[in-house]
Amino acid sequence: MIFEGRAAIGVAGIVFALVFAVRIYTAKKGYYVPKLRRLPAVDAIDEAIGRATEMGRPVHQALSYQSITQSAANAMLLAAISVSRYIARKTAELGTDLIVTVGASETYTVAEEVVRTAYLEAGKPEAYDPTSMVRFL
């Protein structure tokens, strides 16, 4: 049964699903695979970590002063946590000291777990120091 005003939404959903399925099929067959370029911001992060490693200085990342529970900061904080994982993995691989500062207790536990997991993924769990890497301000 089609409700009034919802037919267009249903048709658009079916068209989207078909286009999506065709794109997946062509990518699996190798007909068309889109080229993904590297983001300049990621290159800048790698360059900054490399520079800190050369100078023998620690890498500092300030996550957020807001809590995870505040809805206005959720998207920004989740993106920062994802970047923090990348930074922690790179610093673990290069043997550079890392300092992550947070301003909320809920964020502290998440940041500590993200950094610990990144060091485990890099194969250097002994380099992780929970007392000095993640700091609560």
C-alpha atoms as a PDB file:
ATOM      1  CA  MET A   1       0.000   0.000   0.000  1.00  0.00           C
ATOM      2  CA  ILE A   2       1.448   3.345  -1.065  1.00  0.00           C
ATOM      3  CA  PHE A   3       0.764   6.277   1.204  1.00  0.00           C
ATOM      4  CA  GLU A   4       0.100   9.649  -0.307  1.00  0.00           C
ATOM      5  CA  GLY A   5       3.283  11.672  -0.813  1.00  0.00           C
ATOM      6  CA  ARG A   6       5.655   8.759  -0.242  1.00  0.00           C
ATOM      7  CA  ALA A   7       5.788   7.295  -3.749  1.00  0.00           C
ATOM      8  CA  ALA A   8       8.576   9.662  -4.804  1.00  0.00           C
ATOM      9  CA  ILE A   9      10.656   8.688  -1.789  1.00  0.00           C
ATOM     10  CA  GLY A  10      10.190   4.994  -2.582  1.00  0.00           C
ATOM     11  CA  VAL A  11      11.132   5.446  -6.236  1.00  0.00           C
ATOM     12  CA  ALA A  12      14.190   7.509  -5.291  1.00  0.00           C
ATOM     13  CA  GLY A  13      15.257   4.816  -2.821  1.00  0.00           C
ATOM     14  CA  ILE A  14      14.933   2.070  -5.425  1.00  0.00           C
ATOM     15  CA  VAL A  15      16.878   4.099  -8.008  1.00  0.00           C
ATOM     16  CA  PHE A  16      19.608   4.814  -5.457  1.00  0.00           C
ATOM     17  CA  ALA A  17      19.851   1.130  -4.512  1.00  0.00           C
ATOM     18  CA  LEU A  18      20.125   0.099  -8.177  1.00  0.00           C
ATOM     19  CA  VAL A  19      22.837   2.662  -8.922  1.00  0.00           C
ATOM     20  CA  PHE A  20      24.701   1.586  -5.794  1.00  0.00           C
ATOM     21  CA  ALA A  21      24.490  -2.108  -6.748  1.00  0.00           C
ATOM     22  CA  VAL A  22      25.712  -1.411 -10.305  1.00  0.00           C
ATOM     23  CA  ARG A  23      28.663   0.628  -8.990  1.00  0.00           C
ATOM     24  CA  ILE A  24      29.666  -2.160  -6.615  1.00  0.00           C
ATOM     25  CA  TYR A  25      29.394  -4.734  -9.420  1.00  0.00           C
ATOM     26  CA  THR A  26      31.539  -2.689 -11.829  1.00  0.00           C
ATOM     27  CA  ALA A  27      34.145  -2.032  -9.133  1.00  0.00           C
ATOM     28  CA  LYS A  28      34.387  -5.752  -8.299  1.00  0.00           C
ATOM     29  CA  LYS A  29      34.808  -6.633 -11.981  1.00  0.00           C
ATOM     30  CA  GLY A  30      37.491  -3.965 -12.319  1.00  0.00           C
ATOM     31  CA  TYR A  31      35.727  -1.959 -15.020  1.00  0.00           C
ATOM     32  CA  TYR A  32      35.743   1.284 -13.129  1.00  0.00           C
ATOM     33  CA  VAL A  33      37.547   1.935  -9.897  1.00  0.00           C
ATOM     34  CA  PRO A  34      37.571   5.591  -8.871  1.00  0.00           C
ATOM     35  CA  LYS A  35      40.911   7.160  -8.067  1.00  0.00           C
ATOM     36  CA  LEU A  36      41.264   8.402  -4.511  1.00  0.00           C
ATOM     37  CA  ARG A  37      43.731  11.151  -3.841  1.00  0.00           C
ATOM     38  CA  ARG A  38      45.605  11.614  -0.602  1.00  0.00           C
ATOM     39  CA  LEU A  39      44.409  14.516   1.526  1.00  0.00           C
ATOM     40  CA  PRO A  40      46.939  17.341   1.987  1.00  0.00           C
ATOM     41  CA  ALA A  41      46.029  17.557   5.678  1.00  0.00           C
ATOM     42  CA  VAL A  42      47.174  13.961   6.222  1.00  0.00           C
ATOM     43  CA  ASP A  43      50.474  14.771   4.507  1.00  0.00           C
ATOM     44  CA  ALA A  44      50.858  17.771   6.828  1.00  0.00           C
ATOM     45  CA  ILE A  45      50.304  15.536   9.877  1.00  0.00           C
ATOM     46  CA  ASP A  46      52.981  13.118   8.659  1.00  0.00           C
ATOM     47  CA  GLU A  47      55.354  16.018   8.016  1.00  0.00           C
ATOM     48  CA  ALA A  48      54.781  17.488  11.491  1.00  0.00           C
ATOM     49  CA  ILE A  49      55.339  14.123  13.189  1.00  0.00           C
ATOM     50  CA  GLY A  50      58.512  13.620  11.147  1.00  0.00           C
ATOM     51  CA  ARG A  51      59.757  17.074  12.083  1.00  0.00           C
ATOM     52  CA  ALA A  52      59.105  16.439  15.784  1.00  0.00           C
ATOM     53  CA  THR A  53      60.943  13.121  15.512  1.00  0.00           C
ATOM     54  CA  GLU A  54      63.975  14.780  13.908  1.00  0.00           C
ATOM     55  CA  MET A  55      64.058  17.470  16.600  1.00  0.00           C
ATOM     56  CA  GLY A  56      63.567  14.974  19.439  1.00  0.00           C
ATOM     57  CA  ARG A  57      60.442  16.779  20.624  1.00  0.00           C
ATOM     58  CA  PRO A  58      57.095  15.251  21.624  1.00  0.00           C
ATOM     59  CA  VAL A  59      53.953  15.511  19.501  1.00  0.00           C
ATOM     60  CA  HIS A  60      51.039  17.244  21.256  1.00  0.00           C
ATOM     61  CA  GLN A  61      47.378  16.902  20.365  1.00  0.00           C
ATOM     62  CA  ALA A  62      44.583  18.692  22.195  1.00  0.00           C
ATOM     63  CA  LEU A  63      41.377  16.739  21.674  1.00  0.00           C
ATOM     64  CA  SER A  64      38.616  18.881  23.141  1.00  0.00           C
ATOM     65  CA  TYR A  65      37.547  20.630  26.289  1.00  0.00           C
ATOM     66  CA  GLN A  66      33.965  19.463  25.804  1.00  0.00           C
ATOM     67  CA  SER A  67      32.406  16.190  26.837  1.00  0.00           C
ATOM     68  CA  ILE A  68      31.285  13.414  24.512  1.00  0.00           C
ATOM     69  CA  THR A  69      27.782  13.832  25.916  1.00  0.00           C
ATOM     70  CA  GLN A  70      27.419  17.393  24.602  1.00  0.00           C
ATOM     71  CA  SER A  71      25.656  17.081  21.272  1.00  0.00           C
ATOM     72  CA  ALA A  72      27.221  20.209  19.756  1.00  0.00           C
ATOM     73  CA  ALA A  73      30.725  18.760  20.059  1.00  0.00           C
ATOM     74  CA  ASN A  74      30.029  15.144  19.093  1.00  0.00           C
ATOM     75  CA  ALA A  75      30.993  15.282  15.413  1.00  0.00           C
ATOM     76  CA  MET A  76      34.103  17.355  16.032  1.00  0.00           C
ATOM     77  CA  LEU A  77      35.221  15.150  18.909  1.00  0.00           C
ATOM     78  CA  LEU A  78      34.668  11.886  17.032  1.00  0.00           C
ATOM     79  CA  ALA A  79      36.715  13.211  14.118  1.00  0.00           C
ATOM     80  CA  ALA A  80      39.472  14.314  16.509  1.00  0.00           C
ATOM     81  CA  ILE A  81      39.527  10.870  18.127  1.00  0.00           C
ATOM     82  CA  SER A  82      39.938   9.258  14.713  1.00  0.00           C
ATOM     83  CA  VAL A  83      42.831  11.588  13.907  1.00  0.00           C
ATOM     84  CA  SER A  84      44.286  10.866  17.355  1.00  0.00           C
ATOM     85  CA  ARG A  85      44.425   7.168  16.534  1.00  0.00           C
ATOM     86  CA  TYR A  86      46.328   7.896  13.326  1.00  0.00           C
ATOM     87  CA  ILE A  87      48.748  10.226  15.131  1.00  0.00           C
ATOM     88  CA  ALA A  88      49.317   7.717  17.947  1.00  0.00           C
ATOM     89  CA  ARG A  89      50.041   4.916  15.494  1.00  0.00           C
ATOM     90  CA  LYS A  90      52.535   7.074  13.576  1.00  0.00           C
ATOM     91  CA  THR A  91      54.323   8.240  16.725  1.00  0.00           C
ATOM     92  CA  ALA A  92      54.527   4.643  17.951  1.00  0.00           C
ATOM     93  CA  GLU A  93      56.078   3.530  14.663  1.00  0.00           C
ATOM     94  CA  LEU A  94      58.639   6.347  14.748  1.00  0.00           C
ATOM     95  CA  GLY A  95      59.349   6.144  18.482  1.00  0.00           C
ATOM     96  CA  THR A  96      58.283   9.724  19.148  1.00  0.00           C
ATOM     97  CA  ASP A  97      56.763  10.804  22.462  1.00  0.00           C
ATOM     98  CA  LEU A  98      53.065  11.666  22.358  1.00  0.00           C
ATOM     99  CA  ILE A  99      51.047  13.960  24.612  1.00  0.00           C
ATOM    100  CA  VAL A 100      47.256  14.025  24.251  1.00  0.00           C
ATOM    101  CA  THR A 101      45.381  16.534  26.399  1.00  0.00           C
ATOM    102  CA  VAL A 102      41.660  16.389  27.109  1.00  0.00           C
ATOM    103  CA  GLY A 103      39.324  18.572  29.118  1.00  0.00           C
ATOM    104  CA  ALA A 104      36.488  16.218  30.041  1.00  0.00           C
ATOM    105  CA  SER A 105      36.538  13.043  32.097  1.00  0.00           C
ATOM    106  CA  GLU A 106      34.457  11.059  29.580  1.00  0.00           C
ATOM    107  CA  THR A 107      36.812  12.055  26.802  1.00  0.00           C
ATOM    108  CA  TYR A 108      39.821  11.068  28.909  1.00  0.00           C
ATOM    109  CA  THR A 109      38.878   7.402  29.080  1.00  0.00           C
ATOM    110  CA  VAL A 110      38.128   7.243  25.355  1.00  0.00           C
ATOM    111  CA  ALA A 111      41.388   8.991  24.445  1.00  0.00           C
ATOM    112  CA  GLU A 112      43.398   6.708  26.710  1.00  0.00           C
ATOM    113  CA  GLU A 113      41.898   3.614  25.098  1.00  0.00           C
ATOM    114  CA  VAL A 114      42.426   4.948  21.566  1.00  0.00           C
ATOM    115  CA  VAL A 115      46.100   5.702  22.223  1.00  0.00           C
ATOM    116  CA  ARG A 116      46.664   2.332  23.922  1.00  0.00           C
ATOM    117  CA  THR A 117      45.035   0.492  21.012  1.00  0.00           C
ATOM    118  CA  ALA A 118      47.095   2.425  18.467  1.00  0.00           C
ATOM    119  CA  TYR A 119      50.309   1.458  20.237  1.00  0.00           C
ATOM    120  CA  LEU A 120      49.187  -2.181  20.269  1.00  0.00           C
ATOM    121  CA  GLU A 121      48.403  -2.013  16.535  1.00  0.00           C
ATOM    122  CA  ALA A 122      51.840  -0.549  15.844  1.00  0.00           C
ATOM    123  CA  GLY A 123      53.411  -3.495  17.661  1.00  0.00           C
ATOM    124  CA  LYS A 124      54.921  -1.414  20.466  1.00  0.00           C
ATOM    125  CA  PRO A 125      52.743  -1.908  23.544  1.00  0.00           C
ATOM    126  CA  GLU A 126      55.759  -1.459  25.837  1.00  0.00           C
ATOM    127  CA  ALA A 127      56.198   2.129  24.578  1.00  0.00           C
ATOM    128  CA  TYR A 128      52.729   3.088  25.834  1.00  0.00           C
ATOM    129  CA  ASP A 129      52.898   5.025  29.104  1.00  0.00           C
ATOM    130  CA  PRO A 130      49.424   5.647  30.562  1.00  0.00           C
ATOM    131  CA  THR A 131      50.693   8.106  33.171  1.00  0.00           C
ATOM    132  CA  SER A 132      52.242  10.644  30.815  1.00  0.00           C
ATOM    133  CA  MET A 133      50.663  10.247  27.371  1.00  0.00           C
ATOM    134  CA  VAL A 134      47.028  11.177  27.985  1.00  0.00           C
ATOM    135  CA  ARG A 135      46.590  14.129  30.323  1.00  0.00           C
ATOM    136  CA  PHE A 136      43.477  15.628  31.874  1.00  0.00           C
ATOM    137  CA  LEU A 137      43.441  19.412  32.130  1.00  0.00           C
END
